[in-house]
């Protein structure tokens, strides 16, 4: 065994580590070159030191990346790795041209981590075939949570939600805490709430505890889940995937098992999209059925409270607690037959919405629903629905936040800032026209759907990867909003059930879970969850 500098005579990598074990010729030089490239964020050098081809692997707690191209895209998007030094490097030769290297690391933020790499010699060059990075465990991930507790707020009662921890979206008032709404300047200007929002109290009255306050997109004006102020919460099931927004932190917390329930909002899909991207059950409640006091609004004519869970039974119990007397009243009106009763609800599909889907998404939907008996319904043109929805949403968003944004220049940044700038240009005449269009569209949708349950994908794609360019992300957003705006326009409840998966075509960046969405009559919330569970 040799103990000494990593690469004698060469510039040392950070930490001047000690090497344990006999290394084949040239391996330590390659390993040292990779560490220096990592420190310098030299993407070209790191690419050259990773084996080419579709079989190269890189894993970390966020998941496994497969293929040299996917690993390159991930590195390019992350804009540098956390700085660290090496303490010890252990080398084990496993074949004449292959060796395992395990390094103990000390990140600048503290703690100890591990890096494990399988190196293989191709001619005279050593390259990494597989790597796994294990950072030190964190008390909590600040990309996911703004504040956590054990618990942050205890249960105030006992009932169907005993033992369930809730990740509360940072739009709801939580007693003793400020509301940040995804914007540091908003948090700074907020005062601690003297009373929790009704939605929070209804859950704690049923036995749930508040685990913490979870991150959201800036002022909830997004369905991507990216936040340039705090970092983007990881997608728990799609490595490198966007988490879905704006209930992003709550969704990730539930998907990671750090909370049993996520409490959020859904204006244009902010429950259904993260549920779809991360393989969760998600409920957008009937518009107006759950009080919105203590909630930072975006577009009140569309805003509604929603829930996320890994289990449909827990989702149904939480929905019943959240809806309170309204849920009992709605469930008693007989408009939707409960599962197991006769006759069963009618399932409907809208060919015009489905025909516009990408082939892989349409195939996933068809495969997942081919065993169901459905009727076809004709809905208004999707582009007309989306145009009216977005215009009125933008008008209301600027009404709610325009003055604050103008008084705090630079507080909101990136694509959300662009969205608000566009909203500021919507005229009163344009909004009046959009409202008239929405009234007509709502009537036509209600006539076409009646008491049927509309089936459609919860999103127009699996989770886009964080490194996709802006044009691709905008395209995915618009395609998804064409689907999600149906529930927004009608005020109907909608459930996203994790029952579909998009196949890997044409590359790994399209693979991932996809929600099957059921949109039901107003007031059918709990029955809708149960109907989805029977599928």
Protein backbone atom coordinates (compact mmCIF):
# COMPACT_ATOMS: atom_id res chain seq x y z
CA UNK A 1 0.00 0.00 0.00
CA UNK A 2 1.31 3.44 -0.88
CA UNK A 3 0.58 6.51 1.26
CA UNK A 4 1.50 9.83 -0.28
CA UNK A 5 0.41 12.76 -2.41
CA UNK A 6 -2.13 12.04 -5.10
CA UNK A 7 -0.01 13.07 -8.08
CA UNK A 8 3.64 13.63 -7.09
CA UNK A 9 5.16 16.59 -8.88
CA UNK A 10 1.86 17.87 -10.28
CA UNK A 11 -0.38 20.64 -8.92
CA UNK A 12 -2.26 18.98 -6.12
CA UNK A 13 -6.00 18.70 -6.05
CA UNK A 14 -7.73 20.45 -3.13
CA UNK A 15 -6.95 18.76 0.17
CA UNK A 16 -3.64 17.04 -0.66
CA UNK A 17 -5.20 13.64 0.08
CA UNK A 18 -3.48 10.45 1.13
CA UNK A 19 -3.75 7.50 -1.27
CA UNK A 20 -4.37 3.99 0.06
CA UNK A 21 -3.72 1.04 -2.23
CA UNK A 22 -1.64 0.45 -5.32
CA UNK A 23 -2.97 2.33 -8.33
CA UNK A 24 -2.36 1.19 -11.95
CA UNK A 25 -0.13 3.47 -14.01
CA UNK A 26 -1.84 6.67 -15.09
CA UNK A 27 -4.96 6.26 -12.93
CA UNK A 28 -4.07 8.79 -10.25
CA UNK A 29 -3.12 11.37 -12.86
CA UNK A 30 -6.53 10.93 -14.49
CA UNK A 31 -8.29 11.07 -11.14
CA UNK A 32 -6.42 14.24 -10.19
CA UNK A 33 -7.26 15.81 -13.55
CA UNK A 34 -10.93 15.08 -12.98
CA UNK A 35 -10.88 16.68 -9.51
CA UNK A 36 -9.23 19.81 -10.88
CA UNK A 37 -11.78 19.97 -13.71
CA UNK A 38 -14.56 19.65 -11.15
CA UNK A 39 -13.10 22.47 -9.05
CA UNK A 40 -12.71 24.69 -12.12
CA UNK A 41 -16.11 23.69 -13.56
CA UNK A 42 -14.27 22.68 -16.77
CA UNK A 43 -17.11 20.93 -18.56
CA UNK A 44 -15.02 19.86 -21.58
CA UNK A 45 -12.38 18.23 -19.39
CA UNK A 46 -15.00 16.40 -17.33
CA UNK A 47 -16.69 15.17 -20.50
CA UNK A 48 -13.39 13.80 -21.80
CA UNK A 49 -12.73 11.94 -18.55
CA UNK A 50 -16.16 10.22 -18.54
CA UNK A 51 -16.57 7.23 -20.86
CA UNK A 52 -18.58 8.02 -23.99
CA UNK A 53 -21.75 6.18 -24.93
CA UNK A 54 -25.23 5.43 -23.59
CA UNK A 55 -24.09 3.15 -20.76
CA UNK A 56 -22.13 5.61 -18.61
CA UNK A 57 -23.66 6.07 -15.15
CA UNK A 58 -23.71 8.89 -12.59
CA UNK A 59 -25.75 8.65 -9.41
CA UNK A 60 -26.38 10.77 -6.34
CA UNK A 61 -29.22 11.02 -3.79
CA UNK A 62 -31.41 12.67 -6.44
CA UNK A 63 -31.25 9.57 -8.67
CA UNK A 64 -29.35 7.93 -11.51
CA UNK A 65 -28.35 9.60 -14.79
CA UNK A 66 -27.75 7.22 -17.69
CA UNK A 67 -25.70 8.07 -20.77
CA UNK A 68 -22.81 10.42 -21.44
CA UNK A 69 -25.06 13.01 -23.08
CA UNK A 70 -27.50 13.13 -20.18
CA UNK A 71 -24.63 13.52 -17.70
CA UNK A 72 -23.20 16.37 -19.79
CA UNK A 73 -26.58 18.15 -19.85
CA UNK A 74 -26.89 17.79 -16.08
CA UNK A 75 -23.44 19.25 -15.46
CA UNK A 76 -24.01 22.13 -17.84
CA UNK A 77 -27.26 23.06 -16.12
CA UNK A 78 -26.02 22.92 -12.52
CA UNK A 79 -23.39 25.65 -13.08
CA UNK A 80 -20.65 24.18 -10.95
CA UNK A 81 -20.42 21.66 -8.14
CA UNK A 82 -20.19 22.52 -4.42
CA UNK A 83 -16.57 23.09 -3.48
CA UNK A 84 -14.82 20.41 -1.45
CA UNK A 85 -11.43 18.96 -0.54
CA UNK A 86 -10.30 15.33 -0.66
CA UNK A 87 -9.15 13.68 2.57
CA UNK A 88 -8.46 10.04 1.66
CA UNK A 89 -8.46 8.12 -1.62
CA UNK A 90 -8.76 4.32 -1.64
CA UNK A 91 -7.87 2.41 -4.81
CA UNK A 92 -8.79 -1.22 -5.52
CA UNK A 93 -7.79 -2.76 -8.85
CA UNK A 94 -10.61 -5.08 -9.94
CA UNK A 95 -9.26 -6.12 -13.36
CA UNK A 96 -6.12 -5.46 -15.41
CA UNK A 97 -7.80 -2.44 -17.02
CA UNK A 98 -10.33 -1.50 -14.32
CA UNK A 99 -10.11 -0.01 -10.85
CA UNK A 100 -12.48 1.20 -8.14
CA UNK A 101 -11.68 4.56 -6.53
CA UNK A 102 -13.43 5.63 -3.33
CA UNK A 103 -12.66 9.10 -2.00
CA UNK A 104 -13.61 10.67 1.34
CA UNK A 105 -14.56 14.32 0.77
CA UNK A 106 -14.95 17.34 3.01
CA UNK A 107 -17.38 19.89 1.51
CA UNK A 108 -16.87 23.54 2.41
CA UNK A 109 -20.28 23.60 4.12
CA UNK A 110 -19.13 20.89 6.56
CA UNK A 111 -19.56 17.19 7.12
CA UNK A 112 -18.07 14.28 5.21
CA UNK A 113 -19.08 12.76 1.89
CA UNK A 114 -18.04 9.92 -0.38
CA UNK A 115 -17.32 9.68 -4.08
CA UNK A 116 -17.13 6.25 -5.70
CA UNK A 117 -15.93 5.79 -9.28
CA UNK A 118 -15.33 2.82 -11.54
CA UNK A 119 -12.46 3.69 -13.90
CA UNK A 120 -11.60 1.70 -17.04
CA UNK A 121 -8.54 2.01 -19.30
CA UNK A 122 -9.22 2.44 -23.01
CA UNK A 123 -5.83 2.29 -24.74
CA UNK A 124 -3.65 4.65 -22.74
CA UNK A 125 -6.52 6.73 -21.29
CA UNK A 126 -8.45 6.14 -18.08
CA UNK A 127 -12.11 7.13 -18.07
CA UNK A 128 -14.99 6.88 -15.58
CA UNK A 129 -17.63 4.29 -16.47
CA UNK A 130 -19.78 4.73 -13.37
CA UNK A 131 -19.78 7.21 -10.50
CA UNK A 132 -21.79 7.76 -7.36
CA UNK A 133 -21.62 10.91 -5.24
CA UNK A 134 -22.84 10.79 -1.64
CA UNK A 135 -22.81 14.24 0.00
CA UNK A 136 -23.09 14.65 3.77
CA UNK A 137 -26.64 14.25 5.07
CA UNK A 138 -28.40 17.59 5.50
CA UNK A 139 -30.70 18.53 8.37
CA UNK A 140 -33.13 19.69 5.69
CA UNK A 141 -32.90 20.69 2.08
CA UNK A 142 -33.39 24.48 1.77
CA UNK A 143 -34.51 23.99 -1.82
CA UNK A 144 -37.50 22.02 -0.49
CA UNK A 145 -38.22 23.66 2.87
CA UNK A 146 -38.13 27.22 4.14
CA UNK A 147 -38.53 26.16 7.76
CA UNK A 148 -39.12 22.79 9.45
CA UNK A 149 -39.98 21.62 12.94
CA UNK A 150 -40.54 18.50 15.00
CA UNK A 151 -43.30 19.39 14.37
CA UNK A 152 -43.52 23.04 13.40
CA UNK A 153 -47.18 23.12 14.49
CA UNK A 154 -48.70 20.29 16.57
CA UNK A 155 -52.09 18.76 15.93
CA UNK A 156 -54.98 20.70 17.44
CA UNK A 157 -57.35 17.75 17.41
CA UNK A 158 -57.57 14.05 16.68
CA UNK A 159 -59.20 12.19 13.86
CA UNK A 160 -58.70 10.73 10.40
CA UNK A 161 -55.31 12.40 9.89
CA UNK A 162 -53.61 11.33 13.13
CA UNK A 163 -49.87 10.93 12.55
CA UNK A 164 -49.81 12.65 9.15
CA UNK A 165 -47.24 15.41 8.69
CA UNK A 166 -48.09 18.23 6.27
CA UNK A 167 -45.77 20.24 4.04
CA UNK A 168 -47.53 23.61 3.80
CA UNK A 169 -46.92 25.67 0.67
CA UNK A 170 -45.34 29.02 1.50
CA UNK A 171 -48.50 30.89 0.54
CA UNK A 172 -50.59 29.91 3.57
CA UNK A 173 -50.54 31.71 6.90
CA UNK A 174 -49.05 29.52 9.64
CA UNK A 175 -49.44 30.94 13.13
CA UNK A 176 -46.21 32.50 14.37
CA UNK A 177 -44.53 32.47 10.96
CA UNK A 178 -44.21 34.84 8.03
CA UNK A 179 -45.33 34.09 4.47
CA UNK A 180 -42.57 34.25 1.85
CA UNK A 181 -44.50 33.36 -1.34
CA UNK A 182 -41.23 32.28 -2.96
CA UNK A 183 -39.73 35.80 -2.93
CA UNK A 184 -37.15 36.88 -0.31
CA UNK A 185 -38.35 40.51 -0.38
CA UNK A 186 -41.91 39.36 0.27
CA UNK A 187 -40.74 37.33 3.26
CA UNK A 188 -38.75 40.29 4.59
CA UNK A 189 -41.79 42.54 4.44
CA UNK A 190 -44.19 40.05 6.02
CA UNK A 191 -45.17 39.89 9.66
CA UNK A 192 -45.70 36.66 11.62
CA UNK A 193 -49.26 35.41 11.24
CA UNK A 194 -51.41 35.63 14.35
CA UNK A 195 -53.68 32.86 13.09
CA UNK A 196 -53.23 29.99 10.66
CA UNK A 197 -55.23 29.87 7.45
CA UNK A 198 -58.49 27.92 7.63
CA UNK A 199 -57.09 25.20 5.36
CA UNK A 200 -54.18 24.62 7.75
CA UNK A 201 -56.44 24.59 10.81
CA UNK A 202 -58.83 22.08 9.26
CA UNK A 203 -56.00 19.61 8.74
CA UNK A 204 -54.52 20.04 12.22
CA UNK A 205 -58.01 19.79 13.75
CA UNK A 206 -58.26 16.35 12.10
CA UNK A 207 -55.00 15.17 13.72
CA UNK A 208 -52.34 16.26 11.24
CA UNK A 209 -49.22 18.16 12.25
CA UNK A 210 -47.43 20.82 10.21
CA UNK A 211 -44.01 19.37 9.38
CA UNK A 212 -42.81 22.60 7.84
CA UNK A 213 -43.31 25.40 5.33
CA UNK A 214 -42.31 24.30 1.83
CA UNK A 215 -40.90 26.30 -1.06
CA UNK A 216 -42.98 27.60 -3.93
CA UNK A 217 -42.38 29.36 -7.23
CA UNK A 218 -42.26 33.16 -7.12
CA UNK A 219 -45.78 34.33 -6.17
CA UNK A 220 -46.99 30.95 -7.49
CA UNK A 221 -46.97 32.21 -11.10
CA UNK A 222 -45.45 29.08 -12.68
CA UNK A 223 -46.00 25.36 -13.17
CA UNK A 224 -42.31 24.44 -13.55
CA UNK A 225 -41.16 24.48 -9.92
CA UNK A 226 -37.92 26.39 -10.52
CA UNK A 227 -37.02 29.19 -8.11
CA UNK A 228 -33.87 31.24 -8.82
CA UNK A 229 -33.78 32.60 -5.25
CA UNK A 230 -33.72 29.33 -3.33
CA UNK A 231 -32.80 26.70 -5.92
CA UNK A 232 -35.15 24.25 -7.58
CA UNK A 233 -36.50 21.41 -5.41
CA UNK A 234 -35.32 18.07 -6.79
CA UNK A 235 -37.73 15.77 -8.54
CA UNK A 236 -37.78 12.72 -6.27
CA UNK A 237 -38.40 10.19 -9.04
CA UNK A 238 -36.95 11.74 -12.23
CA UNK A 239 -33.24 12.56 -11.88
CA UNK A 240 -32.63 16.04 -13.19
CA UNK A 241 -36.34 16.59 -13.75
CA UNK A 242 -38.23 19.72 -12.79
CA UNK A 243 -40.45 19.10 -9.74
CA UNK A 244 -43.54 20.83 -11.12
CA UNK A 245 -44.92 24.01 -9.65
CA UNK A 246 -45.98 26.07 -8.08
CA UNK A 247 -46.60 23.58 -5.24
CA UNK A 248 -43.07 22.35 -5.86
CA UNK A 249 -41.58 22.07 -2.37
CA UNK A 250 -44.66 20.37 -0.94
CA UNK A 251 -44.69 17.84 -3.78
CA UNK A 252 -41.01 17.00 -3.39
CA UNK A 253 -41.36 16.67 0.39
CA UNK A 254 -44.20 14.18 -0.05
CA UNK A 255 -42.44 12.26 -2.83
CA UNK A 256 -39.27 12.00 -0.70
CA UNK A 257 -41.24 10.72 2.30
CA UNK A 258 -40.47 13.82 4.38
CA UNK A 259 -44.20 14.54 4.73
CA UNK A 260 -47.33 12.48 4.25
CA UNK A 261 -49.44 15.32 2.87
CA UNK A 262 -48.75 18.42 0.82
CA UNK A 263 -51.06 21.42 1.19
CA UNK A 264 -50.97 23.70 -1.81
CA UNK A 265 -52.96 25.64 -4.35
CA UNK A 266 -54.04 25.04 -7.93
CA UNK A 267 -54.78 27.96 -10.24
CA UNK A 268 -53.67 26.58 -13.60
CA UNK A 269 -52.38 23.16 -12.59
CA UNK A 270 -50.12 23.79 -9.60
CA UNK A 271 -51.29 20.62 -7.82
CA UNK A 272 -51.90 18.40 -10.84
CA UNK A 273 -48.60 19.12 -12.61
CA UNK A 274 -46.23 18.37 -9.68
CA UNK A 275 -48.34 15.30 -8.89
CA UNK A 276 -47.90 14.14 -12.48
CA UNK A 277 -44.17 14.91 -12.63
CA UNK A 278 -43.40 13.11 -9.35
CA UNK A 279 -45.84 10.18 -9.39
CA UNK A 280 -48.17 11.44 -6.65
CA UNK A 281 -51.91 11.60 -6.04
CA UNK A 282 -53.11 15.19 -6.24
CA UNK A 283 -56.50 16.87 -5.77
CA UNK A 284 -57.59 20.30 -6.97
CA UNK A 285 -60.74 21.00 -4.96
CA UNK A 286 -63.94 22.55 -6.28
CA UNK A 287 -63.43 26.28 -6.68
CA UNK A 288 -64.79 28.03 -3.59
CA UNK A 289 -65.35 24.86 -1.57
CA UNK A 290 -62.39 25.50 0.78
CA UNK A 291 -61.91 28.93 2.41
CA UNK A 292 -58.92 30.86 1.09
CA UNK A 293 -58.43 33.21 4.05
CA UNK A 294 -54.80 33.53 5.05
CA UNK A 295 -53.69 32.67 1.51
CA UNK A 296 -51.61 34.84 -0.83
CA UNK A 297 -53.73 34.97 -4.01
CA UNK A 298 -52.67 34.85 -7.64
CA UNK A 299 -55.90 34.92 -9.65
CA UNK A 300 -58.88 34.58 -7.27
CA UNK A 301 -61.31 33.58 -10.01
CA UNK A 302 -59.26 30.43 -10.53
CA UNK A 303 -57.34 29.91 -7.24
CA UNK A 304 -58.34 26.90 -5.20
CA UNK A 305 -56.81 24.81 -2.41
CA UNK A 306 -55.32 21.41 -3.17
CA UNK A 307 -53.66 18.36 -1.63
CA UNK A 308 -50.87 15.92 -2.49
CA UNK A 309 -50.29 12.42 -1.09
CA UNK A 310 -48.59 9.14 -1.92
CA UNK A 311 -51.74 7.18 -1.06
CA UNK A 312 -55.26 7.76 -2.40
CA UNK A 313 -56.88 6.69 0.86
CA UNK A 314 -55.03 9.36 2.81
CA UNK A 315 -55.82 11.87 0.08
CA UNK A 316 -59.54 11.12 0.37
CA UNK A 317 -59.48 11.44 4.18
CA UNK A 318 -57.57 14.72 3.97
CA UNK A 319 -59.98 16.02 1.34
CA UNK A 320 -62.95 15.24 3.58
CA UNK A 321 -61.27 17.10 6.46
CA UNK A 322 -60.37 20.03 4.25
CA UNK A 323 -63.85 20.37 2.75
CA UNK A 324 -65.62 20.09 6.10
CA UNK A 325 -69.36 20.73 5.91
CA UNK A 326 -69.02 21.69 2.25
CA UNK A 327 -67.77 18.18 1.48
CA UNK A 328 -70.74 16.59 3.25
CA UNK A 329 -73.13 18.84 1.40
CA UNK A 330 -71.54 18.27 -1.97
CA UNK A 331 -71.33 14.51 -1.55
CA UNK A 332 -75.00 14.37 -0.68
CA UNK A 333 -76.29 15.91 -3.88
CA UNK A 334 -76.18 12.65 -5.82
CA UNK A 335 -74.59 14.03 -8.98
CA UNK A 336 -71.78 11.45 -9.02
CA UNK A 337 -72.30 7.84 -8.00
CA UNK A 338 -69.74 6.68 -5.44
CA UNK A 339 -67.55 3.72 -6.48
CA UNK A 340 -69.31 0.42 -5.92
CA UNK A 341 -72.76 1.90 -6.32
CA UNK A 342 -74.96 1.58 -9.38
CA UNK A 343 -75.01 3.08 -11.86
CA UNK A 344 -71.34 4.03 -12.13
CA UNK A 345 -70.16 7.43 -13.36
CA UNK A 346 -69.78 8.03 -17.07
CA UNK A 347 -66.18 8.36 -18.23
CA UNK A 348 -65.57 10.78 -21.09
CA UNK A 349 -62.67 11.68 -23.37
CA UNK A 350 -62.24 14.72 -25.61
CA UNK A 351 -60.60 13.66 -28.91
CA UNK A 352 -59.65 17.24 -29.78
CA UNK A 353 -57.52 17.52 -26.63
CA UNK A 354 -55.96 14.09 -27.13
CA UNK A 355 -55.16 14.55 -30.80
CA UNK A 356 -52.89 17.49 -29.98
CA UNK A 357 -50.71 15.44 -27.60
CA UNK A 358 -47.18 14.31 -28.41
CA UNK A 359 -47.22 10.71 -29.74
CA UNK A 360 -45.53 9.24 -26.67
CA UNK A 361 -47.99 10.94 -24.31
CA UNK A 362 -50.98 9.89 -26.43
CA UNK A 363 -49.66 6.30 -26.45
CA UNK A 364 -49.30 6.33 -22.66
CA UNK A 365 -52.86 7.65 -22.25
CA UNK A 366 -54.32 5.14 -24.71
CA UNK A 367 -52.48 2.22 -23.08
CA UNK A 368 -53.63 3.25 -19.63
CA UNK A 369 -57.29 3.72 -20.52
CA UNK A 370 -57.96 1.11 -23.19
CA UNK A 371 -59.74 -1.15 -20.67
CA UNK A 372 -62.28 1.55 -19.79
CA UNK A 373 -65.64 2.23 -21.40
CA UNK A 374 -65.71 5.88 -22.41
CA UNK A 375 -67.91 8.27 -24.32
CA UNK A 376 -66.55 10.97 -26.61
CA UNK A 377 -67.38 14.61 -25.98
CA UNK A 378 -66.74 17.67 -28.09
CA UNK A 379 -65.18 20.56 -26.19
CA UNK A 380 -64.37 24.12 -27.26
CA UNK A 381 -61.13 24.71 -29.15
CA UNK A 382 -58.22 24.33 -26.73
CA UNK A 383 -56.35 27.40 -27.99
CA UNK A 384 -59.45 29.58 -27.45
CA UNK A 385 -59.86 28.25 -23.90
CA UNK A 386 -56.20 28.83 -23.10
CA UNK A 387 -56.16 32.35 -24.54
CA UNK A 388 -59.14 33.50 -22.48
CA UNK A 389 -57.87 31.76 -19.35
CA UNK A 390 -54.36 33.22 -19.56
CA UNK A 391 -55.60 36.73 -20.29
CA UNK A 392 -57.89 36.88 -17.27
CA UNK A 393 -55.35 35.09 -15.06
CA UNK A 394 -52.71 37.66 -16.05
CA UNK A 395 -55.10 40.57 -15.42
CA UNK A 396 -55.90 39.32 -11.93
CA UNK A 397 -52.27 38.48 -11.15
CA UNK A 398 -51.28 42.07 -11.92
CA UNK A 399 -54.23 43.38 -9.91
CA UNK A 400 -53.04 41.38 -6.91
CA UNK A 401 -49.29 42.00 -7.13
CA UNK A 402 -48.55 44.72 -9.68
CA UNK A 403 -48.24 47.58 -7.21
CA UNK A 404 -45.97 45.55 -4.94
CA UNK A 405 -43.76 44.46 -7.85
CA UNK A 406 -43.38 48.06 -9.05
CA UNK A 407 -42.50 49.14 -5.51
CA UNK A 408 -39.87 46.36 -5.25
CA UNK A 409 -37.92 46.39 -8.54
CA UNK A 410 -35.78 43.30 -8.99
CA UNK A 411 -37.59 41.33 -6.28
CA UNK A 412 -39.15 38.97 -8.83
CA UNK A 413 -36.76 37.68 -11.49
CA UNK A 414 -36.48 35.33 -14.43
CA UNK A 415 -39.40 33.90 -16.38
CA UNK A 416 -41.89 34.86 -13.65
CA UNK A 417 -40.79 38.48 -13.93
CA UNK A 418 -41.36 38.26 -17.69
CA UNK A 419 -44.82 36.82 -17.04
CA UNK A 420 -45.70 39.72 -14.76
CA UNK A 421 -44.37 42.23 -17.31
CA UNK A 422 -46.68 40.71 -19.89
CA UNK A 423 -49.54 40.79 -17.37
CA UNK A 424 -48.98 44.52 -16.81
CA UNK A 425 -49.74 45.12 -20.49
CA UNK A 426 -53.17 43.43 -20.48
CA UNK A 427 -55.76 46.16 -20.99
CA UNK A 428 -59.12 46.45 -19.28
CA UNK A 429 -60.81 45.95 -22.66
CA UNK A 430 -58.84 42.75 -23.26
CA UNK A 431 -59.82 41.45 -19.83
CA UNK A 432 -63.50 42.26 -20.39
CA UNK A 433 -63.38 40.33 -23.66
CA UNK A 434 -61.67 37.42 -21.90
CA UNK A 435 -64.31 37.37 -19.16
CA UNK A 436 -67.09 37.26 -21.75
CA UNK A 437 -65.32 34.45 -23.56
CA UNK A 438 -64.82 32.53 -20.31
CA UNK A 439 -68.52 32.76 -19.46
CA UNK A 440 -69.44 31.28 -22.81
CA UNK A 441 -66.74 28.62 -22.61
CA UNK A 442 -67.85 27.63 -19.10
CA UNK A 443 -71.42 27.13 -20.29
CA UNK A 444 -70.32 25.06 -23.27
CA UNK A 445 -68.01 22.92 -21.13
CA UNK A 446 -70.70 22.28 -18.53
CA UNK A 447 -73.19 21.34 -21.27
CA UNK A 448 -70.70 18.96 -22.89
CA UNK A 449 -69.51 17.30 -19.67
CA UNK A 450 -72.61 17.28 -17.50
CA UNK A 451 -72.04 14.76 -14.71
CA UNK A 452 -69.40 12.78 -16.60
CA UNK A 453 -65.82 12.37 -15.44
CA UNK A 454 -63.47 13.72 -18.09
CA UNK A 455 -60.26 11.70 -18.57
CA UNK A 456 -57.11 13.36 -19.86
CA UNK A 457 -53.38 13.43 -19.02
CA UNK A 458 -52.51 15.65 -16.06
CA UNK A 459 -49.66 17.20 -18.05
CA UNK A 460 -48.59 17.22 -21.68
CA UNK A 461 -45.26 15.51 -20.93
CA UNK A 462 -43.26 13.78 -18.27
CA UNK A 463 -41.14 16.12 -16.16
CA UNK A 464 -38.96 18.30 -18.41
CA UNK A 465 -35.30 18.20 -17.44
CA UNK A 466 -33.83 21.24 -15.72
CA UNK A 467 -31.32 21.65 -18.54
CA UNK A 468 -33.92 21.91 -21.31
CA UNK A 469 -33.77 25.26 -23.08
CA UNK A 470 -36.33 28.00 -22.50
CA UNK A 471 -38.13 27.39 -25.81
CA UNK A 472 -38.67 23.73 -24.98
CA UNK A 473 -39.91 24.54 -21.49
CA UNK A 474 -42.31 27.19 -22.83
CA UNK A 475 -43.68 24.70 -25.33
CA UNK A 476 -44.25 22.13 -22.58
CA UNK A 477 -45.93 24.76 -20.39
CA UNK A 478 -48.35 25.89 -23.10
CA UNK A 479 -49.23 22.31 -24.06
CA UNK A 480 -49.94 21.44 -20.43
CA UNK A 481 -52.06 24.54 -19.83
CA UNK A 482 -54.30 23.55 -22.73
CA UNK A 483 -55.22 20.51 -20.63
CA UNK A 484 -55.32 22.00 -17.15
CA UNK A 485 -57.36 25.10 -18.00
CA UNK A 486 -60.56 23.02 -18.41
CA UNK A 487 -60.87 22.58 -14.64
CA UNK A 488 -59.84 26.18 -14.07
CA UNK A 489 -62.51 27.60 -16.37
CA UNK A 490 -65.32 25.44 -14.98
CA UNK A 491 -64.27 25.52 -11.30
CA UNK A 492 -64.52 21.72 -11.27
CA UNK A 493 -62.42 19.48 -9.03
CA UNK A 494 -59.70 17.39 -10.63
CA UNK A 495 -57.63 14.45 -9.44
CA UNK A 496 -54.23 13.42 -10.79
CA UNK A 497 -53.66 9.68 -10.33
CA UNK A 498 -50.12 8.27 -10.89
CA UNK A 499 -51.26 5.57 -13.32
CA UNK A 500 -49.36 6.31 -16.56
CA UNK A 501 -45.76 6.44 -17.73
CA UNK A 502 -44.25 8.05 -20.80
CA UNK A 503 -41.99 5.69 -22.73
CA UNK A 504 -38.35 6.48 -23.47
CA UNK A 505 -38.66 7.95 -26.95
CA UNK A 506 -36.61 9.26 -28.54
CA UNK A 507 -34.20 9.64 -25.58
CA UNK A 508 -34.01 9.18 -21.82
CA UNK A 509 -34.99 12.79 -21.22
CA UNK A 510 -38.62 11.99 -22.10
CA UNK A 511 -39.07 9.11 -19.67
CA UNK A 512 -41.05 9.46 -16.44
CA UNK A 513 -44.39 9.20 -14.66
CA UNK A 514 -47.51 10.83 -16.04
CA UNK A 515 -50.72 11.47 -14.16
CA UNK A 516 -54.12 10.35 -15.37
CA UNK A 517 -56.46 13.24 -14.60
CA UNK A 518 -60.16 12.95 -13.79
CA UNK A 519 -62.20 16.17 -13.90
CA UNK A 520 -65.58 15.82 -12.20
CA UNK A 521 -68.69 17.89 -11.48
CA UNK A 522 -68.44 20.63 -8.89
CA UNK A 523 -68.67 19.16 -5.42
CA UNK A 524 -67.64 15.62 -6.35
CA UNK A 525 -64.19 15.98 -4.74
CA UNK A 526 -63.99 12.98 -2.39
CA UNK A 527 -65.98 10.71 -4.70
CA UNK A 528 -63.63 11.74 -7.51
CA UNK A 529 -60.59 10.57 -5.52
CA UNK A 530 -62.29 7.26 -4.82
CA UNK A 531 -63.28 6.88 -8.48
CA UNK A 532 -59.67 7.48 -9.53
CA UNK A 533 -58.47 4.89 -7.04
CA UNK A 534 -60.70 2.22 -8.63
CA UNK A 535 -58.93 2.71 -11.97
